[in-house]
Amino acid sequence: MERAAMIRARMEPDVKEKAEAIFEKLGLNATGAINMFYKQVILQKGIPFDVRLPNATTRKALAEAKAGKVHRGFKDVDTMFEALHS
């Protein structure tokens, strides 16, 4: 039987607490969740979710949102799609 390898990590206490509450609802503990993540990294041969820098359009929208600039809204989804396709 192999010895267990140890991992140590520091994180914000509230992040740990919130994540572990979700793990508990899923029937996991932190060790099980970390093992699951590592196994997915192996299976996917990389991080098992998208990790990307935002493009110029997204960066501009984020900056405007932080500055409190309001963009026009739409009364319904059909109107929004009409505006997107015009």
PDB file of N, CA and C in Angstrom:
ATOM      1  N   MET A   1       0.843  -1.188   0.000  1.00  0.00           N
ATOM      2  CA  MET A   1       0.000   0.000   0.000  1.00  0.00           C
ATOM      3  C   MET A   1       0.891   1.254   0.000  1.00  0.00           C
ATOM      4  N   GLU A   2       0.518   2.211  -0.846  1.00  0.00           N
ATOM      5  CA  GLU A   2       1.297   3.456  -0.941  1.00  0.00           C
ATOM      6  C   GLU A   2       1.036   4.348   0.260  1.00  0.00           C
ATOM      7  N   ARG A   3       2.066   5.110   0.609  1.00  0.00           N
ATOM      8  CA  ARG A   3       1.869   6.141   1.631  1.00  0.00           C
ATOM      9  C   ARG A   3       1.068   7.269   1.023  1.00  0.00           C
ATOM     10  N   ALA A   4       0.335   7.976   1.815  1.00  0.00           N
ATOM     11  CA  ALA A   4      -0.431   9.120   1.340  1.00  0.00           C
ATOM     12  C   ALA A   4       0.477  10.330   1.207  1.00  0.00           C
ATOM     13  N   ALA A   5       0.347  11.069   0.107  1.00  0.00           N
ATOM     14  CA  ALA A   5       1.083  12.316  -0.083  1.00  0.00           C
ATOM     15  C   ALA A   5       0.285  13.441   0.571  1.00  0.00           C
ATOM     16  N   MET A   6       0.985  14.399   1.104  1.00  0.00           N
ATOM     17  CA  MET A   6       0.326  15.517   1.784  1.00  0.00           C
ATOM     18  C   MET A   6       0.363  16.775   0.917  1.00  0.00           C
ATOM     19  N   ILE A   7      -0.690  17.554   1.012  1.00  0.00           N
ATOM     20  CA  ILE A   7      -0.779  18.853   0.351  1.00  0.00           C
ATOM     21  C   ILE A   7      -1.139  19.862   1.423  1.00  0.00           C
ATOM     22  N   ARG A   8      -0.464  20.993   1.415  1.00  0.00           N
ATOM     23  CA  ARG A   8      -0.803  22.090   2.328  1.00  0.00           C
ATOM     24  C   ARG A   8      -1.107  23.308   1.485  1.00  0.00           C
ATOM     25  N   ALA A   9      -2.168  24.000   1.822  1.00  0.00           N
ATOM     26  CA  ALA A   9      -2.546  25.201   1.077  1.00  0.00           C
ATOM     27  C   ALA A   9      -3.134  26.223   2.041  1.00  0.00           C
ATOM     28  N   ARG A  10      -2.897  27.470   1.733  1.00  0.00           N
ATOM     29  CA  ARG A  10      -3.497  28.560   2.520  1.00  0.00           C
ATOM     30  C   ARG A  10      -4.612  29.176   1.686  1.00  0.00           C
ATOM     31  N   MET A  11      -5.698  29.539   2.359  1.00  0.00           N
ATOM     32  CA  MET A  11      -6.807  30.202   1.678  1.00  0.00           C
ATOM     33  C   MET A  11      -7.577  31.032   2.689  1.00  0.00           C
ATOM     34  N   GLU A  12      -8.430  31.877   2.158  1.00  0.00           N
ATOM     35  CA  GLU A  12      -9.249  32.717   3.022  1.00  0.00           C
ATOM     36  C   GLU A  12     -10.208  31.824   3.809  1.00  0.00           C
ATOM     37  N   PRO A  13     -10.342  32.071   5.114  1.00  0.00           N
ATOM     38  CA  PRO A  13     -11.205  31.218   5.939  1.00  0.00           C
ATOM     39  C   PRO A  13     -12.654  31.125   5.442  1.00  0.00           C
ATOM     40  N   ASP A  14     -13.215  32.241   4.951  1.00  0.00           N
ATOM     41  CA  ASP A  14     -14.611  32.189   4.502  1.00  0.00           C
ATOM     42  C   ASP A  14     -14.756  31.365   3.222  1.00  0.00           C
ATOM     43  N   VAL A  15     -13.731  31.355   2.364  1.00  0.00           N
ATOM     44  CA  VAL A  15     -13.764  30.530   1.156  1.00  0.00           C
ATOM     45  C   VAL A  15     -13.770  29.058   1.570  1.00  0.00           C
ATOM     46  N   LYS A  16     -12.905  28.709   2.492  1.00  0.00           N
ATOM     47  CA  LYS A  16     -12.825  27.325   2.982  1.00  0.00           C
ATOM     48  C   LYS A  16     -14.159  26.898   3.594  1.00  0.00           C
ATOM     49  N   GLU A  17     -14.719  27.736   4.428  1.00  0.00           N
ATOM     50  CA  GLU A  17     -15.970  27.415   5.119  1.00  0.00           C
ATOM     51  C   GLU A  17     -17.123  27.227   4.125  1.00  0.00           C
ATOM     52  N   LYS A  18     -17.243  28.131   3.162  1.00  0.00           N
ATOM     53  CA  LYS A  18     -18.330  28.036   2.184  1.00  0.00           C
ATOM     54  C   LYS A  18     -18.175  26.804   1.294  1.00  0.00           C
ATOM     55  N   ALA A  19     -16.954  26.539   0.864  1.00  0.00           N
ATOM     56  CA  ALA A  19     -16.708  25.372   0.010  1.00  0.00           C
ATOM     57  C   ALA A  19     -16.986  24.085   0.779  1.00  0.00           C
ATOM     58  N   GLU A  20     -16.528  24.008   2.019  1.00  0.00           N
ATOM     59  CA  GLU A  20     -16.735  22.789   2.796  1.00  0.00           C
ATOM     60  C   GLU A  20     -18.209  22.544   3.113  1.00  0.00           C
ATOM     61  N   ALA A  21     -18.995  23.614   3.224  1.00  0.00           N
ATOM     62  CA  ALA A  21     -20.440  23.451   3.421  1.00  0.00           C
ATOM     63  C   ALA A  21     -21.068  22.809   2.183  1.00  0.00           C
ATOM     64  N   ILE A  22     -20.594  23.200   1.006  1.00  0.00           N
ATOM     65  CA  ILE A  22     -21.086  22.602  -0.238  1.00  0.00           C
ATOM     66  C   ILE A  22     -20.615  21.157  -0.349  1.00  0.00           C
ATOM     67  N   PHE A  23     -19.337  20.897  -0.018  1.00  0.00           N
ATOM     68  CA  PHE A  23     -18.828  19.532  -0.042  1.00  0.00           C
ATOM     69  C   PHE A  23     -19.694  18.624   0.836  1.00  0.00           C
ATOM     70  N   GLU A  24     -20.057  19.117   2.016  1.00  0.00           N
ATOM     71  CA  GLU A  24     -20.856  18.317   2.942  1.00  0.00           C
ATOM     72  C   GLU A  24     -22.199  17.944   2.320  1.00  0.00           C
ATOM     73  N   LYS A  25     -22.827  18.903   1.650  1.00  0.00           N
ATOM     74  CA  LYS A  25     -24.104  18.615   0.988  1.00  0.00           C
ATOM     75  C   LYS A  25     -23.943  17.575  -0.122  1.00  0.00           C
ATOM     76  N   LEU A  26     -22.752  17.526  -0.700  1.00  0.00           N
ATOM     77  CA  LEU A  26     -22.453  16.561  -1.763  1.00  0.00           C
ATOM     78  C   LEU A  26     -21.939  15.227  -1.213  1.00  0.00           C
ATOM     79  N   GLY A  27     -21.815  15.139   0.102  1.00  0.00           N
ATOM     80  CA  GLY A  27     -21.317  13.921   0.716  1.00  0.00           C
ATOM     81  C   GLY A  27     -19.810  13.781   0.628  1.00  0.00           C
ATOM     82  N   LEU A  28     -19.121  14.902   0.502  1.00  0.00           N
ATOM     83  CA  LEU A  28     -17.662  14.909   0.395  1.00  0.00           C
ATOM     84  C   LEU A  28     -17.040  15.649   1.566  1.00  0.00           C
ATOM     85  N   ASN A  29     -15.751  15.418   1.752  1.00  0.00           N
ATOM     86  CA  ASN A  29     -14.978  16.278   2.635  1.00  0.00           C
ATOM     87  C   ASN A  29     -13.918  16.951   1.758  1.00  0.00           C
ATOM     88  N   ALA A  30     -13.092  17.805   2.342  1.00  0.00           N
ATOM     89  CA  ALA A  30     -12.093  18.531   1.553  1.00  0.00           C
ATOM     90  C   ALA A  30     -11.125  17.569   0.873  1.00  0.00           C
ATOM     91  N   THR A  31     -10.718  16.520   1.559  1.00  0.00           N
ATOM     92  CA  THR A  31      -9.789  15.554   0.967  1.00  0.00           C
ATOM     93  C   THR A  31     -10.405  14.892  -0.261  1.00  0.00           C
ATOM     94  N   GLY A  32     -11.650  14.473  -0.149  1.00  0.00           N
ATOM     95  CA  GLY A  32     -12.328  13.852  -1.288  1.00  0.00           C
ATOM     96  C   GLY A  32     -12.469  14.805  -2.457  1.00  0.00           C
ATOM     97  N   ALA A  33     -12.791  16.073  -2.166  1.00  0.00           N
ATOM     98  CA  ALA A  33     -12.945  17.068  -3.225  1.00  0.00           C
ATOM     99  C   ALA A  33     -11.610  17.349  -3.915  1.00  0.00           C
ATOM    100  N   ILE A  34     -10.544  17.447  -3.142  1.00  0.00           N
ATOM    101  CA  ILE A  34      -9.221  17.691  -3.724  1.00  0.00           C
ATOM    102  C   ILE A  34      -8.792  16.499  -4.574  1.00  0.00           C
ATOM    103  N   ASN A  35      -9.016  15.287  -4.079  1.00  0.00           N
ATOM    104  CA  ASN A  35      -8.696  14.091  -4.866  1.00  0.00           C
ATOM    105  C   ASN A  35      -9.481  14.071  -6.170  1.00  0.00           C
ATOM    106  N   MET A  36     -10.765  14.438  -6.100  1.00  0.00           N
ATOM    107  CA  MET A  36     -11.598  14.474  -7.301  1.00  0.00           C
ATOM    108  C   MET A  36     -11.045  15.490  -8.304  1.00  0.00           C
ATOM    109  N   PHE A  37     -10.662  16.660  -7.803  1.00  0.00           N
ATOM    110  CA  PHE A  37     -10.094  17.688  -8.669  1.00  0.00           C
ATOM    111  C   PHE A  37      -8.819  17.169  -9.342  1.00  0.00           C
ATOM    112  N   TYR A  38      -7.905  16.591  -8.581  1.00  0.00           N
ATOM    113  CA  TYR A  38      -6.651  16.083  -9.136  1.00  0.00           C
ATOM    114  C   TYR A  38      -6.904  14.997 -10.179  1.00  0.00           C
ATOM    115  N   LYS A  39      -7.852  14.106  -9.910  1.00  0.00           N
ATOM    116  CA  LYS A  39      -8.165  13.048 -10.875  1.00  0.00           C
ATOM    117  C   LYS A  39      -8.727  13.633 -12.166  1.00  0.00           C
ATOM    118  N   GLN A  40      -9.527  14.685 -12.062  1.00  0.00           N
ATOM    119  CA  GLN A  40     -10.047  15.346 -13.252  1.00  0.00           C
ATOM    120  C   GLN A  40      -8.936  16.046 -14.028  1.00  0.00           C
ATOM    121  N   VAL A  41      -7.978  16.625 -13.323  1.00  0.00           N
ATOM    122  CA  VAL A  41      -6.817  17.232 -13.987  1.00  0.00           C
ATOM    123  C   VAL A  41      -6.097  16.175 -14.818  1.00  0.00           C
ATOM    124  N   ILE A  42      -5.920  14.993 -14.249  1.00  0.00           N
ATOM    125  CA  ILE A  42      -5.260  13.900 -14.972  1.00  0.00           C
ATOM    126  C   ILE A  42      -6.092  13.483 -16.180  1.00  0.00           C
ATOM    127  N   LEU A  43      -7.397  13.264 -15.985  1.00  0.00           N
ATOM    128  CA  LEU A  43      -8.261  12.829 -17.088  1.00  0.00           C
ATOM    129  C   LEU A  43      -8.336  13.864 -18.210  1.00  0.00           C
ATOM    130  N   GLN A  44      -8.427  15.131 -17.844  1.00  0.00           N
ATOM    131  CA  GLN A  44      -8.569  16.211 -18.831  1.00  0.00           C
ATOM    132  C   GLN A  44      -7.218  16.686 -19.375  1.00  0.00           C
ATOM    133  N   LYS A  45      -6.159  16.253 -18.716  1.00  0.00           N
ATOM    134  CA  LYS A  45      -4.802  16.700 -19.050  1.00  0.00           C
ATOM    135  C   LYS A  45      -4.687  18.230 -18.948  1.00  0.00           C
ATOM    136  N   GLY A  46      -5.312  18.767 -17.942  1.00  0.00           N
ATOM    137  CA  GLY A  46      -5.294  20.205 -17.695  1.00  0.00           C
ATOM    138  C   GLY A  46      -6.338  20.556 -16.650  1.00  0.00           C
ATOM    139  N   ILE A  47      -6.489  21.836 -16.401  1.00  0.00           N
ATOM    140  CA  ILE A  47      -7.507  22.306 -15.463  1.00  0.00           C
ATOM    141  C   ILE A  47      -8.873  21.905 -16.023  1.00  0.00           C
ATOM    142  N   PRO A  48      -9.754  21.304 -15.211  1.00  0.00           N
ATOM    143  CA  PRO A  48     -11.019  20.792 -15.747  1.00  0.00           C
ATOM    144  C   PRO A  48     -12.125  21.840 -15.927  1.00  0.00           C
ATOM    145  N   PHE A  49     -11.743  23.089 -16.061  1.00  0.00           N
ATOM    146  CA  PHE A  49     -12.687  24.164 -16.378  1.00  0.00           C
ATOM    147  C   PHE A  49     -11.907  25.254 -17.079  1.00  0.00           C
ATOM    148  N   ASP A  50     -12.631  26.134 -17.771  1.00  0.00           N
ATOM    149  CA  ASP A  50     -11.975  27.201 -18.523  1.00  0.00           C
ATOM    150  C   ASP A  50     -11.290  28.194 -17.587  1.00  0.00           C
ATOM    151  N   VAL A  51     -10.061  28.499 -17.904  1.00  0.00           N
ATOM    152  CA  VAL A  51      -9.307  29.528 -17.196  1.00  0.00           C
ATOM    153  C   VAL A  51      -8.765  30.445 -18.279  1.00  0.00           C
ATOM    154  N   ARG A  52      -9.402  31.598 -18.423  1.00  0.00           N
ATOM    155  CA  ARG A  52      -9.018  32.509 -19.500  1.00  0.00           C
ATOM    156  C   ARG A  52      -9.000  33.942 -19.005  1.00  0.00           C
ATOM    157  N   LEU A  53      -8.201  34.737 -19.654  1.00  0.00           N
ATOM    158  CA  LEU A  53      -8.228  36.169 -19.409  1.00  0.00           C
ATOM    159  C   LEU A  53      -9.369  36.755 -20.234  1.00  0.00           C
ATOM    160  N   PRO A  54     -10.070  37.738 -19.696  1.00  0.00           N
ATOM    161  CA  PRO A  54     -11.162  38.331 -20.472  1.00  0.00           C
ATOM    162  C   PRO A  54     -10.631  39.075 -21.692  1.00  0.00           C
ATOM    163  N   ASN A  55     -11.422  39.043 -22.782  1.00  0.00           N
ATOM    164  CA  ASN A  55     -11.021  39.770 -23.987  1.00  0.00           C
ATOM    165  C   ASN A  55     -11.282  41.268 -23.796  1.00  0.00           C
ATOM    166  N   ALA A  56     -10.943  42.062 -24.784  1.00  0.00           N
ATOM    167  CA  ALA A  56     -11.051  43.527 -24.680  1.00  0.00           C
ATOM    168  C   ALA A  56     -12.485  43.967 -24.418  1.00  0.00           C
ATOM    169  N   THR A  57     -13.448  43.347 -25.085  1.00  0.00           N
ATOM    170  CA  THR A  57     -14.857  43.720 -24.906  1.00  0.00           C
ATOM    171  C   THR A  57     -15.306  43.447 -23.476  1.00  0.00           C
ATOM    172  N   THR A  58     -14.927  42.281 -22.951  1.00  0.00           N
ATOM    173  CA  THR A  58     -15.306  41.926 -21.583  1.00  0.00           C
ATOM    174  C   THR A  58     -14.620  42.832 -20.575  1.00  0.00           C
ATOM    175  N   ARG A  59     -13.327  43.135 -20.787  1.00  0.00           N
ATOM    176  CA  ARG A  59     -12.610  44.044 -19.876  1.00  0.00           C
ATOM    177  C   ARG A  59     -13.279  45.410 -19.847  1.00  0.00           C
ATOM    178  N   LYS A  60     -13.694  45.904 -21.023  1.00  0.00           N
ATOM    179  CA  LYS A  60     -14.362  47.211 -21.099  1.00  0.00           C
ATOM    180  C   LYS A  60     -15.688  47.165 -20.340  1.00  0.00           C
ATOM    181  N   ALA A  61     -16.473  46.094 -20.542  1.00  0.00           N
ATOM    182  CA  ALA A  61     -17.759  45.964 -19.860  1.00  0.00           C
ATOM    183  C   ALA A  61     -17.573  45.875 -18.345  1.00  0.00           C
ATOM    184  N   LEU A  62     -16.558  45.134 -17.900  1.00  0.00           N
ATOM    185  CA  LEU A  62     -16.285  45.036 -16.465  1.00  0.00           C
ATOM    186  C   LEU A  62     -15.897  46.391 -15.878  1.00  0.00           C
ATOM    187  N   ALA A  63     -15.074  47.130 -16.601  1.00  0.00           N
ATOM    188  CA  ALA A  63     -14.662  48.461 -16.130  1.00  0.00           C
ATOM    189  C   ALA A  63     -15.860  49.397 -16.046  1.00  0.00           C
ATOM    190  N   GLU A  64     -16.739  49.345 -17.054  1.00  0.00           N
ATOM    191  CA  GLU A  64     -17.933  50.196 -17.047  1.00  0.00           C
ATOM    192  C   GLU A  64     -18.863  49.811 -15.898  1.00  0.00           C
ATOM    193  N   ALA A  65     -19.004  48.527 -15.643  1.00  0.00           N
ATOM    194  CA  ALA A  65     -19.868  48.081 -14.546  1.00  0.00           C
ATOM    195  C   ALA A  65     -19.311  48.552 -13.204  1.00  0.00           C
ATOM    196  N   LYS A  66     -17.985  48.450 -13.030  1.00  0.00           N
ATOM    197  CA  LYS A  66     -17.363  48.915 -11.788  1.00  0.00           C
ATOM    198  C   LYS A  66     -17.537  50.419 -11.619  1.00  0.00           C
ATOM    199  N   ALA A  67     -17.539  51.155 -12.740  1.00  0.00           N
ATOM    200  CA  ALA A  67     -17.692  52.610 -12.700  1.00  0.00           C
ATOM    201  C   ALA A  67     -19.150  53.022 -12.519  1.00  0.00           C
ATOM    202  N   GLY A  68     -20.062  52.043 -12.546  1.00  0.00           N
ATOM    203  CA  GLY A  68     -21.476  52.342 -12.344  1.00  0.00           C
ATOM    204  C   GLY A  68     -22.200  52.800 -13.588  1.00  0.00           C
ATOM    205  N   LYS A  69     -21.596  52.637 -14.741  1.00  0.00           N
ATOM    206  CA  LYS A  69     -22.266  53.013 -15.977  1.00  0.00           C
ATOM    207  C   LYS A  69     -23.370  52.007 -16.269  1.00  0.00           C
ATOM    208  N   VAL A  70     -24.543  52.526 -16.580  1.00  0.00           N
ATOM    209  CA  VAL A  70     -25.696  51.664 -16.830  1.00  0.00           C
ATOM    210  C   VAL A  70     -25.883  51.496 -18.330  1.00  0.00           C
ATOM    211  N   HIS A  71     -26.067  50.259 -18.729  1.00  0.00           N
ATOM    212  CA  HIS A  71     -26.353  49.974 -20.132  1.00  0.00           C
ATOM    213  C   HIS A  71     -27.855  49.830 -20.301  1.00  0.00           C
ATOM    214  N   ARG A  72     -28.311  50.044 -21.512  1.00  0.00           N
ATOM    215  CA  ARG A  72     -29.749  49.952 -21.728  1.00  0.00           C
ATOM    216  C   ARG A  72     -30.231  48.538 -21.458  1.00  0.00           C
ATOM    217  N   GLY A  73     -31.444  48.445 -20.981  1.00  0.00           N
ATOM    218  CA  GLY A  73     -32.044  47.145 -20.716  1.00  0.00           C
ATOM    219  C   GLY A  73     -33.011  46.792 -21.836  1.00  0.00           C
ATOM    220  N   PHE A  74     -33.557  45.640 -21.762  1.00  0.00           N
ATOM    221  CA  PHE A  74     -34.515  45.164 -22.755  1.00  0.00           C
ATOM    222  C   PHE A  74     -35.773  44.722 -22.033  1.00  0.00           C
ATOM    223  N   LYS A  75     -36.913  44.955 -22.686  1.00  0.00           N
ATOM    224  CA  LYS A  75     -38.179  44.591 -22.038  1.00  0.00           C
ATOM    225  C   LYS A  75     -38.412  43.093 -22.051  1.00  0.00           C
ATOM    226  N   ASP A  76     -37.803  42.386 -23.014  1.00  0.00           N
ATOM    227  CA  ASP A  76     -37.924  40.932 -23.073  1.00  0.00           C
ATOM    228  C   ASP A  76     -36.792  40.353 -23.912  1.00  0.00           C
ATOM    229  N   VAL A  77     -36.705  39.037 -23.934  1.00  0.00           N
ATOM    230  CA  VAL A  77     -35.620  38.346 -24.637  1.00  0.00           C
ATOM    231  C   VAL A  77     -35.690  38.591 -26.141  1.00  0.00           C
ATOM    232  N   ASP A  78     -36.890  38.594 -26.717  1.00  0.00           N
ATOM    233  CA  ASP A  78     -37.022  38.809 -28.167  1.00  0.00           C
ATOM    234  C   ASP A  78     -36.453  40.158 -28.586  1.00  0.00           C
ATOM    235  N   THR A  79     -36.722  41.181 -27.796  1.00  0.00           N
ATOM    236  CA  THR A  79     -36.201  42.519 -28.089  1.00  0.00           C
ATOM    237  C   THR A  79     -34.683  42.528 -28.003  1.00  0.00           C
ATOM    238  N   MET A  80     -34.145  41.816 -27.026  1.00  0.00           N
ATOM    239  CA  MET A  80     -32.697  41.743 -26.884  1.00  0.00           C
ATOM    240  C   MET A  80     -32.071  41.085 -28.111  1.00  0.00           C
ATOM    241  N   PHE A  81     -32.645  39.959 -28.572  1.00  0.00           N
ATOM    242  CA  PHE A  81     -32.087  39.284 -29.724  1.00  0.00           C
ATOM    243  C   PHE A  81     -32.223  40.117 -30.996  1.00  0.00           C
ATOM    244  N   GLU A  82     -33.304  40.853 -31.104  1.00  0.00           N
ATOM    245  CA  GLU A  82     -33.463  41.759 -32.268  1.00  0.00           C
ATOM    246  C   GLU A  82     -32.332  42.786 -32.274  1.00  0.00           C
ATOM    247  N   ALA A  83     -32.022  43.347 -31.114  1.00  0.00           N
ATOM    248  CA  ALA A  83     -30.960  44.350 -31.016  1.00  0.00           C
ATOM    249  C   ALA A  83     -29.596  43.731 -31.309  1.00  0.00           C
ATOM    250  N   LEU A  84     -29.388  42.498 -30.905  1.00  0.00           N
ATOM    251  CA  LEU A  84     -28.113  41.827 -31.165  1.00  0.00           C
ATOM    252  C   LEU A  84     -27.906  41.536 -32.637  1.00  0.00           C
ATOM    253  N   HIS A  85     -28.988  41.284 -33.360  1.00  0.00           N
ATOM    254  CA  HIS A  85     -28.886  40.908 -34.766  1.00  0.00           C
ATOM    255  C   HIS A  85     -29.045  42.092 -35.717  1.00  0.00           C
ATOM    256  N   SER A  86     -29.179  43.282 -35.174  1.00  0.00           N
ATOM    257  CA  SER A  86     -29.342  44.440 -36.078  1.00  0.00           C
ATOM    258  C   SER A  86     -28.047  45.193 -36.268  1.00  0.00           C
TER     259      SER A  86
END
